[in-house]
Amino acid sequence: MFGFGTQELIIILLIALFIFGGKKLPEIGAGLGKGIKAFKKGLNDTELEEGNAPQGELQKEAKS
């Protein structure tokens, strides 16, 4: 994962905890999760419009 080991990730998380605080980190994580989910949904919608979606996605959309 980009050359990051366990120690580097722990240090990064501790710095983030120090900068943002314990109450703000879950909000930031939730916001990032929602953003990534919306991005993936947008990519899938674009693929469906262009007709490049995998067969499983097309069948799922046809059932909806």
PDB file of N, CA and C in Angstrom:
ATOM      1  N   MET A   1       0.852  -1.186   0.000  1.00  0.00           N
ATOM      2  CA  MET A   1       0.000   0.000   0.000  1.00  0.00           C
ATOM      3  C   MET A   1       0.885   1.232   0.000  1.00  0.00           C
ATOM      4  N   PHE A   2       1.419   1.560  -1.125  1.00  0.00           N
ATOM      5  CA  PHE A   2       2.244   2.743  -1.324  1.00  0.00           C
ATOM      6  C   PHE A   2       3.475   2.768  -0.422  1.00  0.00           C
ATOM      7  N   GLY A   3       3.936   1.633   0.007  1.00  0.00           N
ATOM      8  CA  GLY A   3       5.123   1.565   0.829  1.00  0.00           C
ATOM      9  C   GLY A   3       4.908   1.964   2.276  1.00  0.00           C
ATOM     10  N   PHE A   4       3.659   2.106   2.706  1.00  0.00           N
ATOM     11  CA  PHE A   4       3.382   2.449   4.094  1.00  0.00           C
ATOM     12  C   PHE A   4       3.305   1.172   4.912  1.00  0.00           C
ATOM     13  N   GLY A   5       4.061   1.133   5.986  1.00  0.00           N
ATOM     14  CA  GLY A   5       3.992   0.008   6.898  1.00  0.00           C
ATOM     15  C   GLY A   5       3.046   0.330   8.042  1.00  0.00           C
ATOM     16  N   THR A   6       2.965  -0.585   8.966  1.00  0.00           N
ATOM     17  CA  THR A   6       2.072  -0.417  10.113  1.00  0.00           C
ATOM     18  C   THR A   6       2.473   0.794  10.953  1.00  0.00           C
ATOM     19  N   GLN A   7       3.760   0.964  11.173  1.00  0.00           N
ATOM     20  CA  GLN A   7       4.228   2.081  12.001  1.00  0.00           C
ATOM     21  C   GLN A   7       3.897   3.427  11.359  1.00  0.00           C
ATOM     22  N   GLU A   8       4.075   3.525  10.046  1.00  0.00           N
ATOM     23  CA  GLU A   8       3.778   4.790   9.365  1.00  0.00           C
ATOM     24  C   GLU A   8       2.294   5.124   9.443  1.00  0.00           C
ATOM     25  N   LEU A   9       1.440   4.107   9.248  1.00  0.00           N
ATOM     26  CA  LEU A   9      -0.003   4.337   9.315  1.00  0.00           C
ATOM     27  C   LEU A   9      -0.442   4.764  10.713  1.00  0.00           C
ATOM     28  N   ILE A  10       0.150   4.157  11.744  1.00  0.00           N
ATOM     29  CA  ILE A  10      -0.179   4.535  13.120  1.00  0.00           C
ATOM     30  C   ILE A  10       0.227   5.983  13.380  1.00  0.00           C
ATOM     31  N   ILE A  11       1.396   6.375  12.909  1.00  0.00           N
ATOM     32  CA  ILE A  11       1.858   7.755  13.100  1.00  0.00           C
ATOM     33  C   ILE A  11       0.925   8.724  12.382  1.00  0.00           C
ATOM     34  N   ILE A  12       0.522   8.391  11.158  1.00  0.00           N
ATOM     35  CA  ILE A  12      -0.389   9.260  10.404  1.00  0.00           C
ATOM     36  C   ILE A  12      -1.723   9.387  11.129  1.00  0.00           C
ATOM     37  N   LEU A  13      -2.252   8.277  11.640  1.00  0.00           N
ATOM     38  CA  LEU A  13      -3.518   8.326  12.373  1.00  0.00           C
ATOM     39  C   LEU A  13      -3.400   9.148  13.656  1.00  0.00           C
ATOM     40  N   LEU A  14      -2.282   9.032  14.356  1.00  0.00           N
ATOM     41  CA  LEU A  14      -2.081   9.829  15.567  1.00  0.00           C
ATOM     42  C   LEU A  14      -1.993  11.320  15.254  1.00  0.00           C
ATOM     43  N   ILE A  15      -1.324  11.665  14.166  1.00  0.00           N
ATOM     44  CA  ILE A  15      -1.244  13.074  13.764  1.00  0.00           C
ATOM     45  C   ILE A  15      -2.633  13.597  13.400  1.00  0.00           C
ATOM     46  N   ALA A  16      -3.413  12.794  12.655  1.00  0.00           N
ATOM     47  CA  ALA A  16      -4.776  13.200  12.299  1.00  0.00           C
ATOM     48  C   ALA A  16      -5.625  13.366  13.551  1.00  0.00           C
ATOM     49  N   LEU A  17      -5.472  12.461  14.509  1.00  0.00           N
ATOM     50  CA  LEU A  17      -6.215  12.564  15.765  1.00  0.00           C
ATOM     51  C   LEU A  17      -5.834  13.829  16.511  1.00  0.00           C
ATOM     52  N   PHE A  18      -4.564  14.160  16.512  1.00  0.00           N
ATOM     53  CA  PHE A  18      -4.091  15.368  17.192  1.00  0.00           C
ATOM     54  C   PHE A  18      -4.607  16.635  16.508  1.00  0.00           C
ATOM     55  N   ILE A  19      -4.618  16.642  15.193  1.00  0.00           N
ATOM     56  CA  ILE A  19      -5.033  17.842  14.444  1.00  0.00           C
ATOM     57  C   ILE A  19      -6.546  18.044  14.515  1.00  0.00           C
ATOM     58  N   PHE A  20      -7.322  16.990  14.254  1.00  0.00           N
ATOM     59  CA  PHE A  20      -8.769  17.140  14.141  1.00  0.00           C
ATOM     60  C   PHE A  20      -9.527  16.850  15.428  1.00  0.00           C
ATOM     61  N   GLY A  21      -8.950  16.087  16.316  1.00  0.00           N
ATOM     62  CA  GLY A  21      -9.639  15.747  17.554  1.00  0.00           C
ATOM     63  C   GLY A  21     -10.485  14.500  17.396  1.00  0.00           C
ATOM     64  N   GLY A  22     -10.822  13.903  18.526  1.00  0.00           N
ATOM     65  CA  GLY A  22     -11.552  12.647  18.528  1.00  0.00           C
ATOM     66  C   GLY A  22     -12.982  12.748  18.044  1.00  0.00           C
ATOM     67  N   LYS A  23     -13.625  13.889  18.249  1.00  0.00           N
ATOM     68  CA  LYS A  23     -15.032  14.023  17.839  1.00  0.00           C
ATOM     69  C   LYS A  23     -15.168  14.301  16.346  1.00  0.00           C
ATOM     70  N   LYS A  24     -14.177  14.914  15.750  1.00  0.00           N
ATOM     71  CA  LYS A  24     -14.274  15.305  14.345  1.00  0.00           C
ATOM     72  C   LYS A  24     -13.892  14.169  13.390  1.00  0.00           C
ATOM     73  N   LEU A  25     -13.020  13.240  13.820  1.00  0.00           N
ATOM     74  CA  LEU A  25     -12.569  12.169  12.930  1.00  0.00           C
ATOM     75  C   LEU A  25     -13.697  11.283  12.407  1.00  0.00           C
ATOM     76  N   PRO A  26     -14.666  10.854  13.229  1.00  0.00           N
ATOM     77  CA  PRO A  26     -15.765  10.049  12.665  1.00  0.00           C
ATOM     78  C   PRO A  26     -16.583  10.815  11.622  1.00  0.00           C
ATOM     79  N   GLU A  27     -16.747  12.103  11.826  1.00  0.00           N
ATOM     80  CA  GLU A  27     -17.484  12.912  10.851  1.00  0.00           C
ATOM     81  C   GLU A  27     -16.724  12.993   9.537  1.00  0.00           C
ATOM     82  N   ILE A  28     -15.402  13.147   9.628  1.00  0.00           N
ATOM     83  CA  ILE A  28     -14.579  13.207   8.424  1.00  0.00           C
ATOM     84  C   ILE A  28     -14.629  11.869   7.700  1.00  0.00           C
ATOM     85  N   GLY A  29     -14.535  10.770   8.443  1.00  0.00           N
ATOM     86  CA  GLY A  29     -14.607   9.437   7.844  1.00  0.00           C
ATOM     87  C   GLY A  29     -15.939   9.177   7.172  1.00  0.00           C
ATOM     88  N   ALA A  30     -17.009   9.591   7.813  1.00  0.00           N
ATOM     89  CA  ALA A  30     -18.340   9.408   7.226  1.00  0.00           C
ATOM     90  C   ALA A  30     -18.478  10.224   5.943  1.00  0.00           C
ATOM     91  N   GLY A  31     -17.965  11.438   5.968  1.00  0.00           N
ATOM     92  CA  GLY A  31     -18.019  12.282   4.776  1.00  0.00           C
ATOM     93  C   GLY A  31     -17.222  11.698   3.623  1.00  0.00           C
ATOM     94  N   LEU A  32     -16.034  11.172   3.939  1.00  0.00           N
ATOM     95  CA  LEU A  32     -15.229  10.533   2.898  1.00  0.00           C
ATOM     96  C   LEU A  32     -15.932   9.296   2.343  1.00  0.00           C
ATOM     97  N   GLY A  33     -16.531   8.512   3.227  1.00  0.00           N
ATOM     98  CA  GLY A  33     -17.249   7.319   2.778  1.00  0.00           C
ATOM     99  C   GLY A  33     -18.410   7.657   1.863  1.00  0.00           C
ATOM    100  N   LYS A  34     -19.170   8.681   2.221  1.00  0.00           N
ATOM    101  CA  LYS A  34     -20.299   9.099   1.380  1.00  0.00           C
ATOM    102  C   LYS A  34     -19.807   9.634   0.041  1.00  0.00           C
ATOM    103  N   GLY A  35     -18.699  10.358   0.067  1.00  0.00           N
ATOM    104  CA  GLY A  35     -18.141  10.897  -1.173  1.00  0.00           C
ATOM    105  C   GLY A  35     -17.669   9.793  -2.108  1.00  0.00           C
ATOM    106  N   ILE A  36     -16.997   8.794  -1.564  1.00  0.00           N
ATOM    107  CA  ILE A  36     -16.520   7.679  -2.374  1.00  0.00           C
ATOM    108  C   ILE A  36     -17.700   6.884  -2.931  1.00  0.00           C
ATOM    109  N   LYS A  37     -18.730   6.686  -2.101  1.00  0.00           N
ATOM    110  CA  LYS A  37     -19.913   5.949  -2.552  1.00  0.00           C
ATOM    111  C   LYS A  37     -20.611   6.699  -3.691  1.00  0.00           C
ATOM    112  N   ALA A  38     -20.735   8.013  -3.574  1.00  0.00           N
ATOM    113  CA  ALA A  38     -21.360   8.805  -4.627  1.00  0.00           C
ATOM    114  C   ALA A  38     -20.519   8.779  -5.907  1.00  0.00           C
ATOM    115  N   PHE A  39     -19.197   8.800  -5.754  1.00  0.00           N
ATOM    116  CA  PHE A  39     -18.304   8.750  -6.908  1.00  0.00           C
ATOM    117  C   PHE A  39     -18.467   7.426  -7.651  1.00  0.00           C
ATOM    118  N   LYS A  40     -18.481   6.310  -6.909  1.00  0.00           N
ATOM    119  CA  LYS A  40     -18.655   5.002  -7.529  1.00  0.00           C
ATOM    120  C   LYS A  40     -20.014   4.898  -8.210  1.00  0.00           C
ATOM    121  N   LYS A  41     -21.048   5.435  -7.559  1.00  0.00           N
ATOM    122  CA  LYS A  41     -22.392   5.398  -8.155  1.00  0.00           C
ATOM    123  C   LYS A  41     -22.416   6.204  -9.446  1.00  0.00           C
ATOM    124  N   GLY A  42     -21.747   7.337  -9.448  1.00  0.00           N
ATOM    125  CA  GLY A  42     -21.669   8.150 -10.657  1.00  0.00           C
ATOM    126  C   GLY A  42     -20.944   7.442 -11.787  1.00  0.00           C
ATOM    127  N   LEU A  43     -19.874   6.722 -11.448  1.00  0.00           N
ATOM    128  CA  LEU A  43     -19.158   5.959 -12.473  1.00  0.00           C
ATOM    129  C   LEU A  43     -20.038   4.854 -13.040  1.00  0.00           C
ATOM    130  N   ASN A  44     -20.762   4.157 -12.171  1.00  0.00           N
ATOM    131  CA  ASN A  44     -21.637   3.088 -12.638  1.00  0.00           C
ATOM    132  C   ASN A  44     -22.771   3.642 -13.492  1.00  0.00           C
ATOM    133  N   ASP A  45     -23.331   4.783 -13.122  1.00  0.00           N
ATOM    134  CA  ASP A  45     -24.396   5.385 -13.916  1.00  0.00           C
ATOM    135  C   ASP A  45     -23.879   5.780 -15.294  1.00  0.00           C
ATOM    136  N   THR A  46     -22.660   6.296 -15.352  1.00  0.00           N
ATOM    137  CA  THR A  46     -22.068   6.686 -16.623  1.00  0.00           C
ATOM    138  C   THR A  46     -21.843   5.464 -17.496  1.00  0.00           C
ATOM    139  N   GLU A  47     -21.363   4.365 -16.900  1.00  0.00           N
ATOM    140  CA  GLU A  47     -21.154   3.142 -17.662  1.00  0.00           C
ATOM    141  C   GLU A  47     -22.475   2.603 -18.204  1.00  0.00           C
ATOM    142  N   LEU A  48     -23.544   2.691 -17.415  1.00  0.00           N
ATOM    143  CA  LEU A  48     -24.845   2.209 -17.872  1.00  0.00           C
ATOM    144  C   LEU A  48     -25.346   3.035 -19.045  1.00  0.00           C
ATOM    145  N   GLU A  49     -25.125   4.353 -18.997  1.00  0.00           N
ATOM    146  CA  GLU A  49     -25.565   5.217 -20.086  1.00  0.00           C
ATOM    147  C   GLU A  49     -24.798   4.929 -21.368  1.00  0.00           C
ATOM    148  N   GLU A  50     -23.503   4.618 -21.224  1.00  0.00           N
ATOM    149  CA  GLU A  50     -22.673   4.363 -22.390  1.00  0.00           C
ATOM    150  C   GLU A  50     -22.798   2.932 -22.887  1.00  0.00           C
ATOM    151  N   GLY A  51     -23.389   2.050 -22.099  1.00  0.00           N
ATOM    152  CA  GLY A  51     -23.536   0.665 -22.494  1.00  0.00           C
ATOM    153  C   GLY A  51     -22.297  -0.167 -22.223  1.00  0.00           C
ATOM    154  N   ASN A  52     -21.393   0.306 -21.383  1.00  0.00           N
ATOM    155  CA  ASN A  52     -20.159  -0.415 -21.076  1.00  0.00           C
ATOM    156  C   ASN A  52     -20.234  -1.164 -19.761  1.00  0.00           C
ATOM    157  N   ALA A  53     -21.388  -1.304 -19.189  1.00  0.00           N
ATOM    158  CA  ALA A  53     -21.514  -1.932 -17.873  1.00  0.00           C
ATOM    159  C   ALA A  53     -21.377  -3.441 -18.001  1.00  0.00           C
ATOM    160  N   PRO A  54     -20.863  -4.079 -16.957  1.00  0.00           N
ATOM    161  CA  PRO A  54     -20.821  -5.542 -16.946  1.00  0.00           C
ATOM    162  C   PRO A  54     -22.229  -6.123 -16.970  1.00  0.00           C
ATOM    163  N   GLN A  55     -22.367  -7.361 -17.406  1.00  0.00           N
ATOM    164  CA  GLN A  55     -23.678  -7.986 -17.541  1.00  0.00           C
ATOM    165  C   GLN A  55     -24.454  -8.014 -16.233  1.00  0.00           C
ATOM    166  N   GLY A  56     -23.790  -8.244 -15.117  1.00  0.00           N
ATOM    167  CA  GLY A  56     -24.464  -8.282 -13.819  1.00  0.00           C
ATOM    168  C   GLY A  56     -25.120  -6.951 -13.496  1.00  0.00           C
ATOM    169  N   GLU A  57     -24.469  -5.868 -13.838  1.00  0.00           N
ATOM    170  CA  GLU A  57     -25.036  -4.544 -13.585  1.00  0.00           C
ATOM    171  C   GLU A  57     -26.255  -4.299 -14.465  1.00  0.00           C
ATOM    172  N   LEU A  58     -26.194  -4.721 -15.717  1.00  0.00           N
ATOM    173  CA  LEU A  58     -27.330  -4.514 -16.618  1.00  0.00           C
ATOM    174  C   LEU A  58     -28.541  -5.309 -16.148  1.00  0.00           C
ATOM    175  N   GLN A  59     -28.333  -6.531 -15.686  1.00  0.00           N
ATOM    176  CA  GLN A  59     -29.443  -7.341 -15.198  1.00  0.00           C
ATOM    177  C   GLN A  59     -30.014  -6.744 -13.932  1.00  0.00           C
ATOM    178  N   LYS A  60     -29.148  -6.191 -13.093  1.00  0.00           N
ATOM    179  CA  LYS A  60     -29.610  -5.578 -11.839  1.00  0.00           C
ATOM    180  C   LYS A  60     -30.467  -4.357 -12.156  1.00  0.00           C
ATOM    181  N   GLU A  61     -30.054  -3.560 -13.134  1.00  0.00           N
ATOM    182  CA  GLU A  61     -30.817  -2.368 -13.501  1.00  0.00           C
ATOM    183  C   GLU A  61     -32.127  -2.747 -14.172  1.00  0.00           C
ATOM    184  N   ALA A  62     -32.154  -3.826 -14.935  1.00  0.00           N
ATOM    185  CA  ALA A  62     -33.372  -4.230 -15.618  1.00  0.00           C
ATOM    186  C   ALA A  62     -34.432  -4.680 -14.631  1.00  0.00           C
ATOM    187  N   LYS A  63     -34.002  -5.287 -13.514  1.00  0.00           N
ATOM    188  CA  LYS A  63     -34.937  -5.736 -12.492  1.00  0.00           C
ATOM    189  C   LYS A  63     -35.522  -4.578 -11.695  1.00  0.00           C
ATOM    190  N   SER A  64     -34.811  -3.477 -11.601  1.00  0.00           N
ATOM    191  CA  SER A  64     -35.253  -2.341 -10.775  1.00  0.00           C
ATOM    192  C   SER A  64     -36.420  -1.608 -11.398  1.00  0.00           C
TER     193      SER A  64
END
